[in-house]
Amino acid sequence: MTRDGRADRRRAFIGSFTAAGGPGVVTAEIAPDGGALTLVSVVNDVPDPSYLALSPDGHTLYAVSETAEGAVAAYRLNGGRPEPAGAPVPVDGSGPTHLSLYAGHVLTANYGCGSVTAVPLRPDGTLAGAPSGRLQHTGSGPHDRRQRGPHAHQVQPDPSGRWAVSVDLGTDSVRVCTLAAGGLAVHREFALRPGSGPRHLAFHPDGEHAYVVNELTPTVTVCRWDAASGSLKPLSEVPVLRDAPAGDAYPSGIVVSPDGRFVWTATRGEDVVSVLAVEADGLRLTGTVPCGGRWPRALAQLDGYLYAANERSGDISWFAVDEATGIPRYDGSVRVTAASCVVFG
């Protein structure tokens, strides 16, 4: 039981852009009989905590500070409310947009300068100090405004836990990396279609496929993943919109269903969630639905519900997912100004 006598509930943690009026890191309770969120607390000790990650044991929450200086912060989860666990640590990189846990470190993808940073962790999950390693991406792409240099947008471990995989929008590539003695090194770099602008990657539960959502073209690149060799092979590229976009369209989040039958993506500008059916070495677009707000920056899923963090309308929308078709049905939303991501604990 919680201290107020209620049965323990699952929680959602929401990031936001404080520079745009966001509250910081928000904690919400998830209704036990559905996907509805109820906001319960806010922590606003770091600017622009735009992306969050939870430790495997569920005791520590981590946040990037997506600022020009760039930092990562850790929070202990006591009674469901995040409490700062030491001072934020600079990541020696500008504009960190994503973070993940890998081999006893927090890794951050630093969009502004196009690098990946490794920050060591203590055994209790708190940040141990200054970065132990920093890997600078190099290269460019054909898009004049967005690809003049590298822009690391995501970094995460592969399902085997052996590799760290970083996605770079500016260089149209995915790097497979290793971490030894706190230092990051590139194992291999894999090129995607020039001008595609890869943003985020999601692995299939089979551990043998990966899907890269592209920001500069509304598509997903289907890849085969070989964990033994740390190899990524692009197989096909699939549109996430049925028709050419009416205006600007910038895909953002990507989620694979736990049973591996569906992939969902979000597209800003069009403000839709796309449903793609998983087929042998491929995907097939089956439909799109409104995202429940404007400018969906990220997607997440939990227990048959899909969640969209809608940055410009300032809300988190949730959808009940049809088990047979994968089509999300809008079920409700809660107000969070400049919402940027949601994770569950």
Protein backbone atom coordinates (compact mmCIF):
# COMPACT_ATOMS: atom_id res chain seq x y z
CA MET A 1 0.00 0.00 0.00
CA THR A 2 1.06 3.60 -0.54
CA ARG A 3 1.32 5.98 2.39
CA ASP A 4 -2.14 7.41 1.69
CA GLY A 5 -3.69 3.95 1.85
CA ARG A 6 -4.25 3.39 -1.87
CA ALA A 7 -3.12 0.23 -3.58
CA ASP A 8 0.14 0.61 -5.47
CA ARG A 9 -0.43 1.79 -9.00
CA ARG A 10 1.75 1.81 -12.05
CA ARG A 11 3.22 5.18 -12.86
CA ALA A 12 4.04 7.20 -15.93
CA PHE A 13 6.83 9.77 -16.04
CA ILE A 14 6.49 12.60 -18.54
CA GLY A 15 9.22 14.88 -19.87
CA SER A 16 8.61 18.40 -21.14
CA PHE A 17 10.31 21.52 -22.47
CA THR A 18 10.46 24.10 -19.67
CA ALA A 19 11.67 26.75 -22.17
CA ALA A 20 8.24 26.45 -23.82
CA GLY A 21 6.33 26.59 -20.52
CA GLY A 22 6.51 22.90 -19.64
CA PRO A 23 6.39 21.88 -15.97
CA GLY A 24 9.54 19.73 -15.97
CA VAL A 25 9.34 16.05 -15.01
CA VAL A 26 5.74 15.04 -14.29
CA THR A 27 4.59 11.89 -12.47
CA ALA A 28 1.19 10.41 -13.28
CA GLU A 29 -0.72 7.40 -12.00
CA ILE A 30 -2.18 4.94 -14.50
CA ALA A 31 -5.76 3.84 -13.89
CA PRO A 32 -5.84 0.15 -12.87
CA ASP A 33 -8.81 -0.53 -15.15
CA GLY A 34 -7.56 1.27 -18.29
CA GLY A 35 -4.95 3.57 -19.70
CA ALA A 36 -6.05 6.91 -18.22
CA LEU A 37 -3.40 9.10 -16.59
CA THR A 38 -3.85 11.26 -13.49
CA LEU A 39 -1.11 13.81 -12.75
CA VAL A 40 0.22 13.64 -9.18
CA SER A 41 3.53 15.53 -8.90
CA VAL A 42 6.10 17.71 -10.66
CA VAL A 43 9.87 18.15 -10.32
CA ASN A 44 11.37 21.15 -12.13
CA ASP A 45 15.00 21.29 -11.01
CA VAL A 46 16.60 20.99 -14.50
CA PRO A 47 15.73 22.87 -17.71
CA ASP A 48 14.17 21.04 -20.66
CA PRO A 49 14.07 17.42 -19.39
CA SER A 50 12.89 16.32 -22.82
CA TYR A 51 13.70 12.61 -22.64
CA LEU A 52 13.56 10.15 -19.74
CA ALA A 53 14.71 6.60 -19.03
CA LEU A 54 14.06 4.26 -16.10
CA SER A 55 16.60 1.93 -14.50
CA PRO A 56 15.87 -1.81 -14.87
CA ASP A 57 15.10 -2.13 -11.14
CA GLY A 58 12.65 0.78 -11.34
CA HIS A 59 14.34 2.73 -8.53
CA THR A 60 16.02 5.50 -10.53
CA LEU A 61 14.80 7.82 -13.26
CA TYR A 62 17.17 9.63 -15.61
CA ALA A 63 16.57 12.77 -17.68
CA VAL A 64 18.51 14.69 -20.29
CA SER A 65 18.63 18.45 -20.05
CA GLU A 66 18.25 19.42 -23.71
CA THR A 67 20.10 22.72 -23.55
CA ALA A 68 23.10 24.21 -25.33
CA GLU A 69 25.29 23.12 -22.42
CA GLY A 70 23.72 19.65 -22.14
CA ALA A 71 23.43 17.57 -18.97
CA VAL A 72 21.96 14.40 -17.50
CA ALA A 73 20.14 14.18 -14.15
CA ALA A 74 19.19 11.26 -11.89
CA TYR A 75 16.20 10.93 -9.57
CA ARG A 76 15.42 8.41 -6.85
CA LEU A 77 11.84 7.19 -6.91
CA ASN A 78 10.68 7.34 -3.31
CA GLY A 79 6.99 6.71 -2.84
CA GLY A 80 6.41 7.33 -6.53
CA ARG A 81 7.75 10.89 -6.55
CA PRO A 82 11.13 11.56 -8.21
CA GLU A 83 13.63 13.22 -5.89
CA PRO A 84 16.93 14.62 -7.23
CA ALA A 85 19.84 12.27 -6.55
CA GLY A 86 22.81 14.60 -6.72
CA ALA A 87 23.66 17.43 -9.10
CA PRO A 88 23.16 17.09 -12.87
CA VAL A 89 26.28 16.04 -14.77
CA PRO A 90 27.36 17.95 -17.94
CA VAL A 91 27.61 15.59 -20.92
CA ASP A 92 30.25 17.53 -22.86
CA GLY A 93 27.81 17.85 -25.74
CA SER A 94 25.05 20.22 -26.84
CA GLY A 95 21.35 19.49 -27.15
CA PRO A 96 21.09 15.92 -25.80
CA THR A 97 17.80 14.51 -27.12
CA HIS A 98 17.88 10.89 -25.94
CA LEU A 99 19.42 8.67 -23.30
CA SER A 100 19.57 5.00 -22.35
CA LEU A 101 21.34 2.64 -19.94
CA TYR A 102 24.16 0.44 -21.17
CA ALA A 103 26.95 -1.48 -19.43
CA GLY A 104 26.84 0.50 -16.17
CA HIS A 105 26.62 3.87 -17.89
CA VAL A 106 24.05 6.39 -19.06
CA LEU A 107 24.51 7.11 -22.75
CA THR A 108 23.25 10.38 -24.24
CA ALA A 109 22.73 11.25 -27.91
CA ASN A 110 23.77 14.88 -28.34
CA TYR A 111 21.91 16.28 -31.32
CA GLY A 112 23.47 19.73 -31.43
CA CYS A 113 27.09 18.62 -31.80
CA GLY A 114 26.50 15.13 -33.17
CA SER A 115 28.11 13.02 -30.45
CA VAL A 116 27.37 10.25 -27.95
CA THR A 117 28.48 10.53 -24.31
CA ALA A 118 28.94 7.85 -21.65
CA VAL A 119 28.39 8.85 -18.00
CA PRO A 120 29.35 6.17 -15.44
CA LEU A 121 26.94 5.00 -12.75
CA ARG A 122 27.57 3.97 -9.16
CA PRO A 123 26.22 0.58 -8.00
CA ASP A 124 23.23 2.37 -6.45
CA GLY A 125 22.29 3.88 -9.84
CA THR A 126 23.37 7.45 -9.14
CA LEU A 127 25.66 9.36 -11.48
CA ALA A 128 29.32 8.72 -10.61
CA GLY A 129 30.74 11.93 -12.07
CA ALA A 130 32.07 13.38 -15.30
CA PRO A 131 31.70 11.50 -18.60
CA SER A 132 34.10 8.61 -19.08
CA GLY A 133 33.83 8.68 -22.84
CA ARG A 134 32.61 10.78 -25.74
CA LEU A 135 32.29 9.64 -29.34
CA GLN A 136 32.10 12.38 -31.98
CA HIS A 137 30.19 11.49 -35.14
CA THR A 138 31.44 12.85 -38.45
CA GLY A 139 29.85 13.32 -41.86
CA SER A 140 26.96 15.12 -43.52
CA GLY A 141 24.00 14.56 -45.85
CA PRO A 142 22.38 16.14 -48.90
CA HIS A 143 19.73 18.17 -47.03
CA ASP A 144 21.18 21.69 -47.04
CA ARG A 145 19.62 22.93 -43.80
CA ARG A 146 19.37 19.80 -41.65
CA GLN A 147 22.39 17.74 -42.69
CA ARG A 148 25.36 20.07 -42.79
CA GLY A 149 26.96 17.99 -40.04
CA PRO A 150 26.22 15.09 -37.69
CA HIS A 151 23.16 15.12 -35.43
CA ALA A 152 22.99 12.11 -33.13
CA HIS A 153 19.31 11.67 -32.27
CA GLN A 154 19.09 8.37 -30.39
CA VAL A 155 21.36 5.84 -28.67
CA GLN A 156 20.30 2.54 -27.12
CA PRO A 157 21.56 -1.00 -26.45
CA ASP A 158 20.59 -3.78 -28.82
CA PRO A 159 18.45 -6.65 -27.43
CA SER A 160 21.53 -8.79 -26.74
CA GLY A 161 23.09 -6.06 -24.58
CA ARG A 162 26.37 -6.45 -26.42
CA TRP A 163 26.18 -3.33 -28.60
CA ALA A 164 25.18 0.31 -28.33
CA VAL A 165 23.39 1.59 -31.43
CA SER A 166 23.32 5.30 -32.30
CA VAL A 167 21.12 6.88 -34.97
CA ASP A 168 22.34 10.04 -36.70
CA LEU A 169 19.94 12.25 -38.65
CA GLY A 170 22.69 14.41 -40.12
CA THR A 171 24.82 11.62 -41.59
CA ASP A 172 22.04 9.25 -42.75
CA SER A 173 23.63 6.42 -40.83
CA VAL A 174 23.47 4.08 -37.87
CA ARG A 175 26.60 3.38 -35.83
CA VAL A 176 27.09 0.18 -33.85
CA CYS A 177 29.40 0.88 -30.93
CA THR A 178 31.18 -0.79 -28.03
CA LEU A 179 32.08 0.48 -24.57
CA ALA A 180 35.32 -0.58 -22.90
CA ALA A 181 36.91 0.99 -19.82
CA GLY A 182 34.29 3.74 -20.07
CA GLY A 183 35.31 4.68 -23.61
CA LEU A 184 33.08 4.46 -26.69
CA ALA A 185 34.31 3.13 -30.03
CA VAL A 186 32.62 2.54 -33.38
CA HIS A 187 32.41 -1.12 -34.38
CA ARG A 188 30.76 -0.44 -37.75
CA GLU A 189 28.76 2.33 -39.42
CA PHE A 190 25.83 1.50 -41.72
CA ALA A 191 24.56 3.89 -44.39
CA LEU A 192 20.86 4.48 -45.03
CA ARG A 193 19.38 6.25 -48.04
CA PRO A 194 20.92 9.72 -48.50
CA GLY A 195 18.53 12.43 -47.35
CA SER A 196 16.28 10.09 -45.35
CA GLY A 197 17.25 11.65 -42.02
CA PRO A 198 17.05 8.67 -39.61
CA ARG A 199 15.73 9.68 -36.20
CA HIS A 200 14.91 6.66 -34.01
CA LEU A 201 15.29 2.89 -34.20
CA ALA A 202 13.16 0.18 -32.60
CA PHE A 203 14.01 -3.52 -32.45
CA HIS A 204 11.56 -6.33 -33.16
CA PRO A 205 11.04 -8.79 -30.28
CA ASP A 206 12.67 -11.51 -32.39
CA GLY A 207 15.98 -9.69 -32.03
CA GLU A 208 16.63 -10.13 -35.75
CA HIS A 209 14.94 -7.05 -37.23
CA ALA A 210 15.10 -3.33 -36.59
CA TYR A 211 12.98 -0.47 -37.88
CA VAL A 212 14.35 3.05 -38.38
CA VAL A 213 11.87 5.91 -38.61
CA ASN A 214 13.13 8.69 -40.89
CA GLU A 215 12.42 12.34 -40.10
CA LEU A 216 13.29 14.01 -43.41
CA THR A 217 11.13 11.62 -45.45
CA PRO A 218 7.95 10.04 -44.02
CA THR A 219 9.24 6.46 -44.16
CA VAL A 220 10.51 3.55 -42.09
CA THR A 221 13.62 1.63 -43.14
CA VAL A 222 13.30 -2.10 -42.43
CA CYS A 223 16.61 -3.71 -41.46
CA ARG A 224 17.91 -7.13 -40.58
CA TRP A 225 19.94 -7.17 -37.36
CA ASP A 226 22.68 -9.71 -36.58
CA ALA A 227 23.68 -9.46 -32.92
CA ALA A 228 26.51 -11.95 -33.31
CA SER A 229 28.40 -9.73 -35.74
CA GLY A 230 26.90 -6.35 -34.81
CA SER A 231 25.59 -5.94 -38.36
CA LEU A 232 22.62 -3.94 -39.66
CA LYS A 233 21.41 -4.58 -43.22
CA PRO A 234 18.75 -2.28 -44.77
CA LEU A 235 16.12 -4.34 -46.62
CA SER A 236 13.35 -1.95 -47.68
CA GLU A 237 11.84 1.48 -47.08
CA VAL A 238 8.12 1.81 -46.40
CA PRO A 239 5.97 4.98 -46.37
CA VAL A 240 4.12 5.89 -43.17
CA LEU A 241 1.55 8.06 -44.98
CA ARG A 242 -0.88 6.91 -47.68
CA ASP A 243 -0.61 10.11 -49.71
CA ALA A 244 2.08 12.70 -50.21
CA PRO A 245 1.97 15.07 -47.21
CA ALA A 246 -0.09 18.22 -47.68
CA GLY A 247 2.66 20.28 -46.04
CA ASP A 248 5.61 19.63 -43.77
CA ALA A 249 5.60 16.11 -42.32
CA TYR A 250 8.24 15.00 -39.84
CA PRO A 251 8.03 11.48 -38.40
CA SER A 252 9.22 11.21 -34.81
CA GLY A 253 8.44 8.25 -32.54
CA ILE A 254 8.37 4.54 -33.35
CA VAL A 255 7.10 1.62 -31.24
CA VAL A 256 6.89 -2.12 -31.93
CA SER A 257 4.07 -4.11 -30.31
CA PRO A 258 5.20 -6.67 -27.69
CA ASP A 259 3.92 -9.54 -29.84
CA GLY A 260 5.84 -8.20 -32.86
CA ARG A 261 2.77 -7.96 -35.13
CA PHE A 262 2.58 -4.17 -35.49
CA VAL A 263 4.75 -1.08 -35.71
CA TRP A 264 3.38 2.37 -34.86
CA THR A 265 4.92 5.68 -35.85
CA ALA A 266 4.00 9.31 -35.16
CA THR A 267 4.28 12.09 -37.74
CA ARG A 268 4.35 15.76 -36.79
CA GLY A 269 2.70 18.24 -39.14
CA GLU A 270 0.28 15.58 -40.36
CA ASP A 271 -0.35 14.89 -36.63
CA VAL A 272 -1.16 11.22 -37.09
CA VAL A 273 -0.24 7.82 -35.74
CA SER A 274 0.45 5.28 -38.48
CA VAL A 275 -0.14 1.54 -38.17
CA LEU A 276 2.13 -0.85 -40.05
CA ALA A 277 1.63 -4.61 -40.12
CA VAL A 278 4.78 -6.70 -39.76
CA GLU A 279 5.34 -9.14 -42.60
CA ALA A 280 8.27 -11.35 -43.59
CA ASP A 281 11.26 -8.98 -43.82
CA GLY A 282 8.91 -6.05 -44.38
CA LEU A 283 6.12 -3.74 -43.25
CA ARG A 284 2.78 -2.79 -44.77
CA LEU A 285 0.97 0.46 -43.96
CA THR A 286 -2.60 -0.38 -42.95
CA GLY A 287 -3.92 2.98 -41.77
CA THR A 288 -3.48 6.24 -39.88
CA VAL A 289 -5.44 7.91 -37.07
CA PRO A 290 -5.26 11.42 -35.59
CA CYS A 291 -2.77 11.64 -32.73
CA GLY A 292 -5.22 13.40 -30.39
CA GLY A 293 -3.30 16.66 -30.42
CA ARG A 294 -0.63 18.56 -32.34
CA TRP A 295 3.01 17.74 -33.05
CA PRO A 296 3.39 14.23 -31.59
CA ARG A 297 7.02 14.08 -30.52
CA ALA A 298 7.10 10.57 -29.03
CA LEU A 299 5.11 7.36 -28.68
CA ALA A 300 5.02 4.73 -25.93
CA GLN A 301 2.93 1.63 -25.27
CA LEU A 302 1.80 -0.25 -22.18
CA ASP A 303 -0.71 -3.05 -21.58
CA GLY A 304 -2.68 -2.65 -24.79
CA TYR A 305 -2.61 1.16 -24.78
CA LEU A 306 -0.62 3.53 -26.96
CA TYR A 307 0.42 6.99 -25.72
CA ALA A 308 1.38 10.07 -27.74
CA ALA A 309 3.27 13.03 -26.27
CA ASN A 310 1.87 15.98 -28.24
CA GLU A 311 4.31 18.85 -27.84
CA ARG A 312 2.50 21.82 -29.40
CA SER A 313 -0.99 21.08 -28.11
CA GLY A 314 0.52 20.28 -24.71
CA ASP A 315 -1.01 16.94 -23.81
CA ILE A 316 -0.54 13.21 -23.50
CA SER A 317 -3.18 11.24 -25.43
CA TRP A 318 -3.89 7.56 -24.91
CA PHE A 319 -5.45 5.02 -27.22
CA ALA A 320 -6.88 1.55 -26.75
CA VAL A 321 -5.34 -0.71 -29.39
CA ASP A 322 -7.45 -3.22 -31.30
CA GLU A 323 -5.73 -6.57 -30.81
CA ALA A 324 -6.68 -7.88 -34.26
CA THR A 325 -5.87 -4.85 -36.40
CA GLY A 326 -3.46 -2.78 -34.31
CA ILE A 327 -5.62 0.30 -34.94
CA PRO A 328 -5.53 2.74 -31.97
CA ARG A 329 -8.83 4.23 -30.73
CA TYR A 330 -8.62 7.57 -28.92
CA ASP A 331 -9.60 7.14 -25.28
CA GLY A 332 -8.57 10.37 -23.53
CA SER A 333 -5.84 12.88 -22.78
CA VAL A 334 -4.32 14.92 -19.98
CA ARG A 335 -2.80 18.38 -20.13
CA VAL A 336 1.02 18.64 -19.96
CA THR A 337 2.40 21.79 -21.56
CA ALA A 338 5.19 21.14 -24.11
CA ALA A 339 5.07 17.38 -23.50
CA SER A 340 7.99 15.53 -25.09
CA CYS A 341 8.02 11.90 -23.92
CA VAL A 342 6.44 9.38 -21.55
CA VAL A 343 7.96 6.28 -19.90
CA PHE A 344 6.44 3.78 -17.48
CA GLY A 345 7.52 2.35 -14.14
